[in-house]
Amino acid sequence: LEQKLDWFAVKEGNYNSLEPDQSGIIRSEVFPGLWLAVSALLDGNMATVLAVVQEGLNSPEHSAFVKQFSE
């Protein structure tokens, strides 16, 4: 079984694969602050996965995203 995570973003009707950044994190283009530590997830290291998710939720980008729904 191949350990791989595929995450896609739709742009102009085409599915484009998102690649992890230098830190190994994929950052959603649709939901600012939704970050996923790919290697940690594939290794079953949920503590790191959850820490990275929390870091994304604490980001300024996520705060701005959430704020638009309360205005």
Protein backbone atom coordinates (compact mmCIF):
# COMPACT_ATOMS: atom_id res chain seq x y z
CA LEU A 1 0.00 0.00 0.00
CA GLU A 2 1.42 3.36 -1.04
CA GLN A 3 1.41 5.96 1.73
CA LYS A 4 0.41 9.10 -0.08
CA LEU A 5 -2.03 11.94 0.39
CA ASP A 6 -3.57 13.65 -2.62
CA TRP A 7 -5.18 17.05 -2.04
CA PHE A 8 -6.62 18.93 -4.97
CA ALA A 9 -7.85 22.45 -5.65
CA VAL A 10 -10.22 23.25 -8.49
CA LYS A 11 -9.09 26.17 -10.63
CA GLU A 12 -10.95 27.17 -13.75
CA GLY A 13 -12.66 23.78 -13.81
CA ASN A 14 -9.42 21.80 -13.54
CA TYR A 15 -8.25 19.75 -10.58
CA ASN A 16 -4.73 20.75 -9.55
CA SER A 17 -2.71 18.79 -7.03
CA LEU A 18 -1.54 20.77 -4.00
CA GLU A 19 1.95 19.98 -2.80
CA PRO A 20 3.29 20.38 0.73
CA ASP A 21 5.47 23.42 1.42
CA GLN A 22 9.07 23.26 2.75
CA SER A 23 7.70 22.33 6.18
CA GLY A 24 5.70 19.42 4.77
CA ILE A 25 2.38 21.21 5.26
CA ILE A 26 -0.44 21.52 2.76
CA ARG A 27 -2.42 24.73 3.22
CA SER A 28 -5.96 24.89 1.90
CA GLU A 29 -6.58 27.51 -0.77
CA VAL A 30 -10.32 27.55 0.01
CA PHE A 31 -10.34 27.57 3.82
CA PRO A 32 -7.56 29.84 5.12
CA GLY A 33 -5.99 28.31 8.19
CA LEU A 34 -6.76 24.70 7.27
CA TRP A 35 -3.27 23.24 7.42
CA LEU A 36 -2.31 19.57 7.28
CA ALA A 37 1.06 18.06 8.17
CA VAL A 38 1.20 15.34 5.54
CA SER A 39 4.13 13.24 6.80
CA ALA A 40 2.83 13.31 10.36
CA LEU A 41 -0.59 12.15 9.17
CA LEU A 42 0.86 9.32 7.11
CA ASP A 43 3.09 8.29 10.05
CA GLY A 44 0.12 8.29 12.43
CA ASN A 45 1.62 11.10 14.52
CA MET A 46 -1.70 12.66 15.47
CA ALA A 47 -0.19 14.95 18.12
CA THR A 48 1.76 16.75 15.39
CA VAL A 49 -1.21 16.72 13.00
CA LEU A 50 -3.41 18.36 15.64
CA ALA A 51 -0.69 20.86 16.61
CA VAL A 52 -0.37 21.98 12.98
CA VAL A 53 -4.16 22.19 12.58
CA GLN A 54 -4.28 24.37 15.72
CA GLU A 55 -1.45 26.54 14.40
CA GLY A 56 -3.43 27.12 11.22
CA LEU A 57 -6.57 27.95 13.18
CA ASN A 58 -4.56 30.52 15.15
CA SER A 59 -3.17 32.15 12.00
CA PRO A 60 -4.09 35.71 10.96
CA GLU A 61 -5.43 34.32 7.67
CA HIS A 62 -7.93 32.12 9.50
CA SER A 63 -8.96 34.95 11.83
CA ALA A 64 -9.70 37.19 8.83
CA PHE A 65 -11.62 34.36 7.14
CA VAL A 66 -13.81 33.76 10.21
CA LYS A 67 -14.36 37.47 10.79
CA GLN A 68 -16.05 37.90 7.42
CA PHE A 69 -18.90 35.67 8.61
CA SER A 70 -19.62 37.78 11.69
CA GLU A 71 -19.95 41.09 9.88
